[in-house]
PDB file of N, CA and C in Angstrom:
ATOM      1  N   MET A   1     119.098 109.475 113.585  1.00  0.00           N
ATOM      2  CA  MET A   1     117.798 109.486 112.889  1.00  0.00           C
ATOM      3  C   MET A   1     117.077 108.150 113.050  1.00  0.00           C
ATOM      4  N   ALA A   2     115.754 108.154 113.290  1.00  0.00           N
ATOM      5  CA  ALA A   2     115.049 106.787 113.295  1.00  0.00           C
ATOM      6  C   ALA A   2     114.984 106.104 112.085  1.00  0.00           C
ATOM      7  N   GLN A   3     114.871 104.903 112.085  1.00  0.00           N
ATOM      8  CA  GLN A   3     114.787 104.008 110.860  1.00  0.00           C
ATOM      9  C   GLN A   3     113.323 103.794 110.292  1.00  0.00           C
ATOM     10  N   LEU A   4     113.135 104.049 109.062  1.00  0.00           N
ATOM     11  CA  LEU A   4     111.809 103.962 108.580  1.00  0.00           C
ATOM     12  C   LEU A   4     111.424 102.402 108.570  1.00  0.00           C
ATOM     13  N   LEU A   5     110.208 102.223 108.993  1.00  0.00           N
ATOM     14  CA  LEU A   5     109.574 100.691 108.908  1.00  0.00           C
ATOM     15  C   LEU A   5     109.377 100.198 107.377  1.00  0.00           C
ATOM     16  N   THR A   6     109.418  98.956 107.027  1.00  0.00           N
ATOM     17  CA  THR A   6     109.003  98.444 105.991  1.00  0.00           C
ATOM     18  C   THR A   6     107.392  98.384 106.027  1.00  0.00           C
ATOM     19  N   GLN A   7     106.772  98.128 104.876  1.00  0.00           N
ATOM     20  CA  GLN A   7     105.213  98.030 104.758  1.00  0.00           C
ATOM     21  C   GLN A   7     104.615  96.922 105.547  1.00  0.00           C
ATOM     22  N   ALA A   8     105.534  95.656 105.688  1.00  0.00           N
ATOM     23  CA  ALA A   8     105.124  94.624 106.401  1.00  0.00           C
ATOM     24  C   ALA A   8     105.293  95.098 107.869  1.00  0.00           C
ATOM     25  N   GLU A   9     106.166  95.667 108.364  1.00  0.00           N
ATOM     26  CA  GLU A   9     106.181  96.236 109.841  1.00  0.00           C
ATOM     27  C   GLU A   9     105.249  97.048 110.073  1.00  0.00           C
ATOM     28  N   ILE A  10     104.958  98.013 109.263  1.00  0.00           N
ATOM     29  CA  ILE A  10     103.702  98.921 109.467  1.00  0.00           C
ATOM     30  C   ILE A  10     102.559  98.299 109.627  1.00  0.00           C
ATOM     31  N   GLN A  11     102.263  97.291 108.644  1.00  0.00           N
ATOM     32  CA  GLN A  11     100.887  96.457 108.725  1.00  0.00           C
ATOM     33  C   GLN A  11     100.863  95.925 110.039  1.00  0.00           C
ATOM     34  N   SER A  12     101.925  95.129 110.456  1.00  0.00           N
ATOM     35  CA  SER A  12     101.821  94.248 111.616  1.00  0.00           C
ATOM     36  C   SER A  12     101.783  95.071 112.939  1.00  0.00           C
ATOM     37  N   ARG A  13     102.356  96.351 112.890  1.00  0.00           N
ATOM     38  CA  ARG A  13     102.110  97.178 114.331  1.00  0.00           C
ATOM     39  C   ARG A  13     100.708  97.846 114.283  1.00  0.00           C
ATOM     40  N   ALA A  14     100.387  98.017 113.047  1.00  0.00           N
ATOM     41  CA  ALA A  14      99.086  98.996 112.956  1.00  0.00           C
ATOM     42  C   ALA A  14      98.054  98.113 113.276  1.00  0.00           C
ATOM     43  N   SER A  15      98.126  96.733 112.944  1.00  0.00           N
ATOM     44  CA  SER A  15      97.103  95.609 113.234  1.00  0.00           C
ATOM     45  C   SER A  15      96.556  95.632 114.809  1.00  0.00           C
ATOM     46  N   VAL A  16      97.494  95.995 115.589  1.00  0.00           N
ATOM     47  CA  VAL A  16      97.396  95.780 117.016  1.00  0.00           C
ATOM     48  C   VAL A  16      96.920  97.229 117.578  1.00  0.00           C
ATOM     49  N   LEU A  17      96.692  98.204 116.765  1.00  0.00           N
ATOM     50  CA  LEU A  17      96.346  99.532 117.449  1.00  0.00           C
ATOM     51  C   LEU A  17      95.091  99.863 117.137  1.00  0.00           C
ATOM     52  N   SER A  18      94.109  99.792 117.935  1.00  0.00           N
ATOM     53  CA  SER A  18      92.745  99.979 117.859  1.00  0.00           C
ATOM     54  C   SER A  18      92.460 101.537 117.584  1.00  0.00           C
ATOM     55  N   GLY A  19      91.788 101.887 116.556  1.00  0.00           N
ATOM     56  CA  GLY A  19      91.255 103.092 116.364  1.00  0.00           C
ATOM     57  C   GLY A  19      92.191 104.025 115.706  1.00  0.00           C
ATOM     58  N   TRP A  20      93.297 103.308 114.981  1.00  0.00           N
ATOM     59  CA  TRP A  20      94.306 104.136 114.236  1.00  0.00           C
ATOM     60  C   TRP A  20      94.332 103.431 112.852  1.00  0.00           C
ATOM     61  N   THR A  21      94.593 104.313 111.833  1.00  0.00           N
ATOM     62  CA  THR A  21      94.542 103.864 110.450  1.00  0.00           C
ATOM     63  C   THR A  21      96.121 104.294 109.863  1.00  0.00           C
ATOM     64  N   VAL A  22      96.494 103.590 108.847  1.00  0.00           N
ATOM     65  CA  VAL A  22      97.487 103.970 108.311  1.00  0.00           C
ATOM     66  C   VAL A  22      97.310 104.700 106.982  1.00  0.00           C
ATOM     67  N   GLU A  23      97.530 106.112 106.813  1.00  0.00           N
ATOM     68  CA  GLU A  23      97.037 106.810 105.558  1.00  0.00           C
ATOM     69  C   GLU A  23      98.640 107.318 104.698  1.00  0.00           C
ATOM     70  N   GLY A  24      98.883 106.543 103.852  1.00  0.00           N
ATOM     71  CA  GLY A  24     100.372 106.794 103.196  1.00  0.00           C
ATOM     72  C   GLY A  24     101.417 106.686 104.173  1.00  0.00           C
ATOM     73  N   SER A  25     102.066 107.587 104.421  1.00  0.00           N
ATOM     74  CA  SER A  25     103.245 107.688 105.432  1.00  0.00           C
ATOM     75  C   SER A  25     102.936 108.153 106.915  1.00  0.00           C
ATOM     76  N   LYS A  26     101.715 108.222 107.061  1.00  0.00           N
ATOM     77  CA  LYS A  26     101.172 108.624 108.381  1.00  0.00           C
ATOM     78  C   LYS A  26     100.215 107.581 109.101  1.00  0.00           C
ATOM     79  N   LEU A  27     100.210 107.768 110.298  1.00  0.00           N
ATOM     80  CA  LEU A  27      99.463 106.874 111.340  1.00  0.00           C
ATOM     81  C   LEU A  27      98.371 108.019 111.886  1.00  0.00           C
ATOM     82  N   GLN A  28      97.005 107.788 111.722  1.00  0.00           N
ATOM     83  CA  GLN A  28      95.969 108.841 112.006  1.00  0.00           C
ATOM     84  C   GLN A  28      94.822 108.125 112.952  1.00  0.00           C
ATOM     85  N   THR A  29      94.441 109.036 113.809  1.00  0.00           N
ATOM     86  CA  THR A  29      93.287 108.587 114.544  1.00  0.00           C
ATOM     87  C   THR A  29      92.505 110.052 114.697  1.00  0.00           C
ATOM     88  N   THR A  30      91.120 109.793 115.189  1.00  0.00           N
ATOM     89  CA  THR A  30      90.316 110.870 115.277  1.00  0.00           C
ATOM     90  C   THR A  30      89.520 110.348 116.424  1.00  0.00           C
ATOM     91  N   ARG A  31      89.381 111.356 117.586  1.00  0.00           N
ATOM     92  CA  ARG A  31      88.686 111.191 118.728  1.00  0.00           C
ATOM     93  C   ARG A  31      87.696 112.203 118.837  1.00  0.00           C
ATOM     94  N   LYS A  32      86.418 111.799 119.145  1.00  0.00           N
ATOM     95  CA  LYS A  32      85.171 112.523 119.462  1.00  0.00           C
ATOM     96  C   LYS A  32      85.045 112.716 120.904  1.00  0.00           C
ATOM     97  N   PHE A  33      84.661 113.986 121.348  1.00  0.00           N
ATOM     98  CA  PHE A  33      84.423 114.304 122.556  1.00  0.00           C
ATOM     99  C   PHE A  33      82.995 114.905 122.967  1.00  0.00           C
ATOM    100  N   LYS A  34      82.566 115.164 124.127  1.00  0.00           N
ATOM    101  CA  LYS A  34      81.394 115.682 124.423  1.00  0.00           C
ATOM    102  C   LYS A  34      81.285 117.138 123.895  1.00  0.00           C
ATOM    103  N   ASP A  35      82.360 117.888 124.152  1.00  0.00           N
ATOM    104  CA  ASP A  35      82.407 119.227 123.501  1.00  0.00           C
ATOM    105  C   ASP A  35      83.945 119.899 123.559  1.00  0.00           C
ATOM    106  N   PHE A  36      83.969 121.100 123.127  1.00  0.00           N
ATOM    107  CA  PHE A  36      85.089 121.755 123.022  1.00  0.00           C
ATOM    108  C   PHE A  36      86.170 121.639 124.027  1.00  0.00           C
ATOM    109  N   ILE A  37      85.460 121.874 125.257  1.00  0.00           N
ATOM    110  CA  ILE A  37      86.291 121.829 126.458  1.00  0.00           C
ATOM    111  C   ILE A  37      87.028 120.478 126.768  1.00  0.00           C
ATOM    112  N   GLN A  38      86.222 119.233 126.487  1.00  0.00           N
ATOM    113  CA  GLN A  38      86.851 118.140 126.933  1.00  0.00           C
ATOM    114  C   GLN A  38      87.851 117.819 125.674  1.00  0.00           C
ATOM    115  N   ALA A  39      87.703 118.346 124.435  1.00  0.00           N
ATOM    116  CA  ALA A  39      88.529 117.928 123.275  1.00  0.00           C
ATOM    117  C   ALA A  39      89.839 118.666 123.942  1.00  0.00           C
ATOM    118  N   ILE A  40      89.708 119.857 124.248  1.00  0.00           N
ATOM    119  CA  ILE A  40      91.047 120.525 124.632  1.00  0.00           C
ATOM    120  C   ILE A  40      91.687 120.073 125.811  1.00  0.00           C
ATOM    121  N   GLU A  41      91.057 119.456 126.712  1.00  0.00           N
ATOM    122  CA  GLU A  41      91.570 118.811 127.723  1.00  0.00           C
ATOM    123  C   GLU A  41      92.404 117.561 127.515  1.00  0.00           C
ATOM    124  N   PHE A  42      91.838 116.872 126.518  1.00  0.00           N
ATOM    125  CA  PHE A  42      92.477 115.617 125.906  1.00  0.00           C
ATOM    126  C   PHE A  42      93.789 116.112 125.249  1.00  0.00           C
ATOM    127  N   VAL A  43      93.824 117.203 124.313  1.00  0.00           N
ATOM    128  CA  VAL A  43      94.934 117.675 123.653  1.00  0.00           C
ATOM    129  C   VAL A  43      95.948 118.068 124.775  1.00  0.00           C
ATOM    130  N   ASN A  44      95.799 118.649 125.711  1.00  0.00           N
ATOM    131  CA  ASN A  44      96.568 119.036 126.869  1.00  0.00           C
ATOM    132  C   ASN A  44      97.116 117.683 127.398  1.00  0.00           C
ATOM    133  N   LYS A  45      96.549 116.731 127.495  1.00  0.00           N
ATOM    134  CA  LYS A  45      97.230 115.507 128.128  1.00  0.00           C
ATOM    135  C   LYS A  45      98.177 114.779 127.153  1.00  0.00           C
ATOM    136  N   LEU A  46      98.293 115.382 125.889  1.00  0.00           N
ATOM    137  CA  LEU A  46      99.239 114.828 124.971  1.00  0.00           C
ATOM    138  C   LEU A  46     100.589 115.390 125.209  1.00  0.00           C
ATOM    139  N   VAL A  47     100.651 116.590 125.882  1.00  0.00           N
ATOM    140  CA  VAL A  47     101.734 117.407 125.879  1.00  0.00           C
ATOM    141  C   VAL A  47     103.054 116.514 126.721  1.00  0.00           C
ATOM    142  N   GLU A  48     102.673 116.167 127.720  1.00  0.00           N
ATOM    143  CA  GLU A  48     103.632 115.404 128.423  1.00  0.00           C
ATOM    144  C   GLU A  48     104.545 114.055 127.847  1.00  0.00           C
ATOM    145  N   PRO A  49     103.644 113.303 127.339  1.00  0.00           N
ATOM    146  CA  PRO A  49     104.184 112.118 126.757  1.00  0.00           C
ATOM    147  C   PRO A  49     104.918 112.438 125.300  1.00  0.00           C
ATOM    148  N   SER A  50     104.443 113.646 124.583  1.00  0.00           N
ATOM    149  CA  SER A  50     104.931 113.905 123.488  1.00  0.00           C
ATOM    150  C   SER A  50     106.501 114.653 123.608  1.00  0.00           C
ATOM    151  N   GLU A  51     106.517 115.327 124.911  1.00  0.00           N
ATOM    152  CA  GLU A  51     107.632 116.035 125.050  1.00  0.00           C
ATOM    153  C   GLU A  51     108.694 115.099 125.627  1.00  0.00           C
ATOM    154  N   SER A  52     108.146 113.885 126.571  1.00  0.00           N
ATOM    155  CA  SER A  52     109.171 113.034 127.268  1.00  0.00           C
ATOM    156  C   SER A  52     109.688 112.077 126.103  1.00  0.00           C
ATOM    157  N   SER A  53     109.026 111.917 124.950  1.00  0.00           N
ATOM    158  CA  SER A  53     109.598 111.016 124.020  1.00  0.00           C
ATOM    159  C   SER A  53     110.177 111.833 122.979  1.00  0.00           C
ATOM    160  N   GLY A  54     110.132 113.214 122.758  1.00  0.00           N
ATOM    161  CA  GLY A  54     110.900 114.090 121.896  1.00  0.00           C
ATOM    162  C   GLY A  54     110.077 113.713 120.560  1.00  0.00           C
ATOM    163  N   HIS A  55     108.936 113.439 120.502  1.00  0.00           N
ATOM    164  CA  HIS A  55     108.291 113.090 119.291  1.00  0.00           C
ATOM    165  C   HIS A  55     106.906 113.797 119.264  1.00  0.00           C
ATOM    166  N   HIS A  56     106.475 114.580 118.343  1.00  0.00           N
ATOM    167  CA  HIS A  56     105.248 115.321 118.558  1.00  0.00           C
ATOM    168  C   HIS A  56     104.227 115.148 117.411  1.00  0.00           C
ATOM    169  N   PRO A  57     102.916 115.030 117.787  1.00  0.00           N
ATOM    170  CA  PRO A  57     101.908 114.689 116.761  1.00  0.00           C
ATOM    171  C   PRO A  57     101.601 115.894 116.215  1.00  0.00           C
ATOM    172  N   ASP A  58     101.033 115.819 114.971  1.00  0.00           N
ATOM    173  CA  ASP A  58     100.345 116.809 114.345  1.00  0.00           C
ATOM    174  C   ASP A  58      98.904 116.754 114.853  1.00  0.00           C
ATOM    175  N   ILE A  59      98.353 117.856 115.369  1.00  0.00           N
ATOM    176  CA  ILE A  59      96.892 117.899 115.985  1.00  0.00           C
ATOM    177  C   ILE A  59      96.147 118.901 115.350  1.00  0.00           C
ATOM    178  N   GLU A  60      94.894 118.271 114.961  1.00  0.00           N
ATOM    179  CA  GLU A  60      93.706 119.250 114.334  1.00  0.00           C
ATOM    180  C   GLU A  60      92.557 119.138 115.459  1.00  0.00           C
ATOM    181  N   VAL A  61      92.195 120.438 115.718  1.00  0.00           N
ATOM    182  CA  VAL A  61      91.021 120.403 116.538  1.00  0.00           C
ATOM    183  C   VAL A  61      89.797 120.992 115.862  1.00  0.00           C
ATOM    184  N   SER A  62      88.624 120.516 115.896  1.00  0.00           N
ATOM    185  CA  SER A  62      87.445 120.942 115.198  1.00  0.00           C
ATOM    186  C   SER A  62      86.215 120.609 116.289  1.00  0.00           C
ATOM    187  N   TYR A  63      86.000 121.752 116.987  1.00  0.00           N
ATOM    188  CA  TYR A  63      84.942 121.653 118.215  1.00  0.00           C
ATOM    189  C   TYR A  63      85.419 120.526 118.857  1.00  0.00           C
ATOM    190  N   ASN A  64      84.547 119.341 118.838  1.00  0.00           N
ATOM    191  CA  ASN A  64      84.657 118.319 119.844  1.00  0.00           C
ATOM    192  C   ASN A  64      85.284 117.151 118.986  1.00  0.00           C
ATOM    193  N   LYS A  65      86.188 117.346 118.026  1.00  0.00           N
ATOM    194  CA  LYS A  65      86.843 116.327 117.374  1.00  0.00           C
ATOM    195  C   LYS A  65      88.509 116.569 117.393  1.00  0.00           C
ATOM    196  N   VAL A  66      89.270 115.555 117.678  1.00  0.00           N
ATOM    197  CA  VAL A  66      90.667 115.919 117.668  1.00  0.00           C
ATOM    198  C   VAL A  66      91.390 114.883 116.683  1.00  0.00           C
ATOM    199  N   LYS A  67      91.861 115.208 115.707  1.00  0.00           N
ATOM    200  CA  LYS A  67      92.484 114.438 114.833  1.00  0.00           C
ATOM    201  C   LYS A  67      94.110 114.523 114.960  1.00  0.00           C
ATOM    202  N   ILE A  68      94.658 113.302 115.203  1.00  0.00           N
ATOM    203  CA  ILE A  68      95.998 113.186 115.514  1.00  0.00           C
ATOM    204  C   ILE A  68      96.653 112.533 114.470  1.00  0.00           C
ATOM    205  N   THR A  69      97.698 113.014 113.939  1.00  0.00           N
ATOM    206  CA  THR A  69      98.456 112.465 112.841  1.00  0.00           C
ATOM    207  C   THR A  69      99.885 112.426 113.346  1.00  0.00           C
ATOM    208  N   LEU A  70     100.468 111.078 113.094  1.00  0.00           N
ATOM    209  CA  LEU A  70     101.924 110.831 113.648  1.00  0.00           C
ATOM    210  C   LEU A  70     102.734 110.511 112.423  1.00  0.00           C
ATOM    211  N   THR A  71     103.878 110.799 112.073  1.00  0.00           N
ATOM    212  CA  THR A  71     104.803 110.425 110.999  1.00  0.00           C
ATOM    213  C   THR A  71     106.088 111.185 111.645  1.00  0.00           C
ATOM    214  N   THR A  72     107.170 110.528 111.151  1.00  0.00           N
ATOM    215  CA  THR A  72     108.640 110.893 111.574  1.00  0.00           C
ATOM    216  C   THR A  72     108.972 111.824 110.275  1.00  0.00           C
ATOM    217  N   HIS A  73     108.896 113.076 110.484  1.00  0.00           N
ATOM    218  CA  HIS A  73     109.093 113.953 109.352  1.00  0.00           C
ATOM    219  C   HIS A  73     110.619 113.896 109.042  1.00  0.00           C
ATOM    220  N   ASP A  74     111.576 113.860 110.020  1.00  0.00           N
ATOM    221  CA  ASP A  74     112.956 113.839 109.580  1.00  0.00           C
ATOM    222  C   ASP A  74     113.354 112.423 108.806  1.00  0.00           C
ATOM    223  N   ALA A  75     112.654 111.447 109.029  1.00  0.00           N
ATOM    224  CA  ALA A  75     112.921 109.887 108.431  1.00  0.00           C
ATOM    225  C   ALA A  75     112.271 109.906 107.103  1.00  0.00           C
ATOM    226  N   GLY A  76     111.171 110.735 106.774  1.00  0.00           N
ATOM    227  CA  GLY A  76     110.343 110.650 105.712  1.00  0.00           C
ATOM    228  C   GLY A  76     109.228 109.651 105.662  1.00  0.00           C
ATOM    229  N   GLY A  77     108.700 109.203 106.892  1.00  0.00           N
ATOM    230  CA  GLY A  77     107.695 108.248 106.915  1.00  0.00           C
ATOM    231  C   GLY A  77     107.510 107.762 108.396  1.00  0.00           C
ATOM    232  N   LEU A  78     107.013 106.515 108.379  1.00  0.00           N
ATOM    233  CA  LEU A  78     106.606 105.776 109.648  1.00  0.00           C
ATOM    234  C   LEU A  78     107.870 105.191 110.284  1.00  0.00           C
ATOM    235  N   THR A  79     108.075 105.346 111.518  1.00  0.00           N
ATOM    236  CA  THR A  79     109.025 104.702 112.369  1.00  0.00           C
ATOM    237  C   THR A  79     108.601 104.087 113.561  1.00  0.00           C
ATOM    238  N   GLN A  80     109.398 103.502 114.305  1.00  0.00           N
ATOM    239  CA  GLN A  80     108.764 102.858 115.769  1.00  0.00           C
ATOM    240  C   GLN A  80     108.425 103.963 116.606  1.00  0.00           C
ATOM    241  N   ASN A  81     108.994 105.076 116.701  1.00  0.00           N
ATOM    242  CA  ASN A  81     108.522 106.331 117.401  1.00  0.00           C
ATOM    243  C   ASN A  81     107.017 106.491 117.250  1.00  0.00           C
ATOM    244  N   ASP A  82     106.645 106.664 115.998  1.00  0.00           N
ATOM    245  CA  ASP A  82     105.304 106.789 115.615  1.00  0.00           C
ATOM    246  C   ASP A  82     104.272 105.758 116.330  1.00  0.00           C
ATOM    247  N   PHE A  83     104.556 104.454 116.432  1.00  0.00           N
ATOM    248  CA  PHE A  83     103.632 103.565 116.982  1.00  0.00           C
ATOM    249  C   PHE A  83     103.927 103.471 118.366  1.00  0.00           C
ATOM    250  N   ASP A  84     105.302 103.809 118.916  1.00  0.00           N
ATOM    251  CA  ASP A  84     105.157 103.770 120.380  1.00  0.00           C
ATOM    252  C   ASP A  84     104.373 105.016 120.798  1.00  0.00           C
ATOM    253  N   LEU A  85     104.379 106.210 120.370  1.00  0.00           N
ATOM    254  CA  LEU A  85     103.564 107.231 120.851  1.00  0.00           C
ATOM    255  C   LEU A  85     102.315 107.241 120.498  1.00  0.00           C
ATOM    256  N   ALA A  86     101.764 106.271 119.385  1.00  0.00           N
ATOM    257  CA  ALA A  86     100.315 106.075 119.398  1.00  0.00           C
ATOM    258  C   ALA A  86      99.888 105.084 120.445  1.00  0.00           C
ATOM    259  N   GLY A  87     100.608 104.077 120.916  1.00  0.00           N
ATOM    260  CA  GLY A  87     100.247 103.238 121.745  1.00  0.00           C
ATOM    261  C   GLY A  87     100.039 103.941 123.174  1.00  0.00           C
ATOM    262  N   VAL A  88     100.877 104.771 123.495  1.00  0.00           N
ATOM    263  CA  VAL A  88     100.626 105.996 124.598  1.00  0.00           C
ATOM    264  C   VAL A  88      99.515 106.741 124.558  1.00  0.00           C
ATOM    265  N   ILE A  89      99.348 107.253 123.303  1.00  0.00           N
ATOM    266  CA  ILE A  89      97.897 108.167 123.171  1.00  0.00           C
ATOM    267  C   ILE A  89      96.851 107.260 123.440  1.00  0.00           C
ATOM    268  N   SER A  90      96.796 105.976 122.856  1.00  0.00           N
ATOM    269  CA  SER A  90      95.590 105.292 122.950  1.00  0.00           C
ATOM    270  C   SER A  90      95.279 105.046 124.358  1.00  0.00           C
ATOM    271  N   GLN A  91      95.999 105.002 125.293  1.00  0.00           N
ATOM    272  CA  GLN A  91      95.717 104.705 126.777  1.00  0.00           C
ATOM    273  C   GLN A  91      95.157 106.256 127.435  1.00  0.00           C
ATOM    274  N   ILE A  92      95.432 107.258 126.551  1.00  0.00           N
ATOM    275  CA  ILE A  92      95.012 108.431 127.363  1.00  0.00           C
ATOM    276  C   ILE A  92      93.473 108.627 127.241  1.00  0.00           C
ATOM    277  N   GLY A  93      92.744 108.907 128.212  1.00  0.00           N
ATOM    278  CA  GLY A  93      91.217 108.928 128.112  1.00  0.00           C
ATOM    279  C   GLY A  93      90.835 110.545 127.978  1.00  0.00           C
TER     280      GLY A  93
END
């Protein structure tokens, strides 16, 4: 099981992730797109990196907005896995 990060580690890692916020034990971002089709195309681009890392985000789609939430459920909070995947997602257009 992945090791939980300390609050200091969480704040340090979050400070270098543009567009992401820490909400309790979760890391979140919301992306806005032109329309529903572009939002779903973005969600589809999340499949490969999520599967490759064996770490899967919680995803909410509301028309042209995609909210992504990361947390390591089996560890009960934020781990390096969450920040690694957030970094990858940040590079996806």
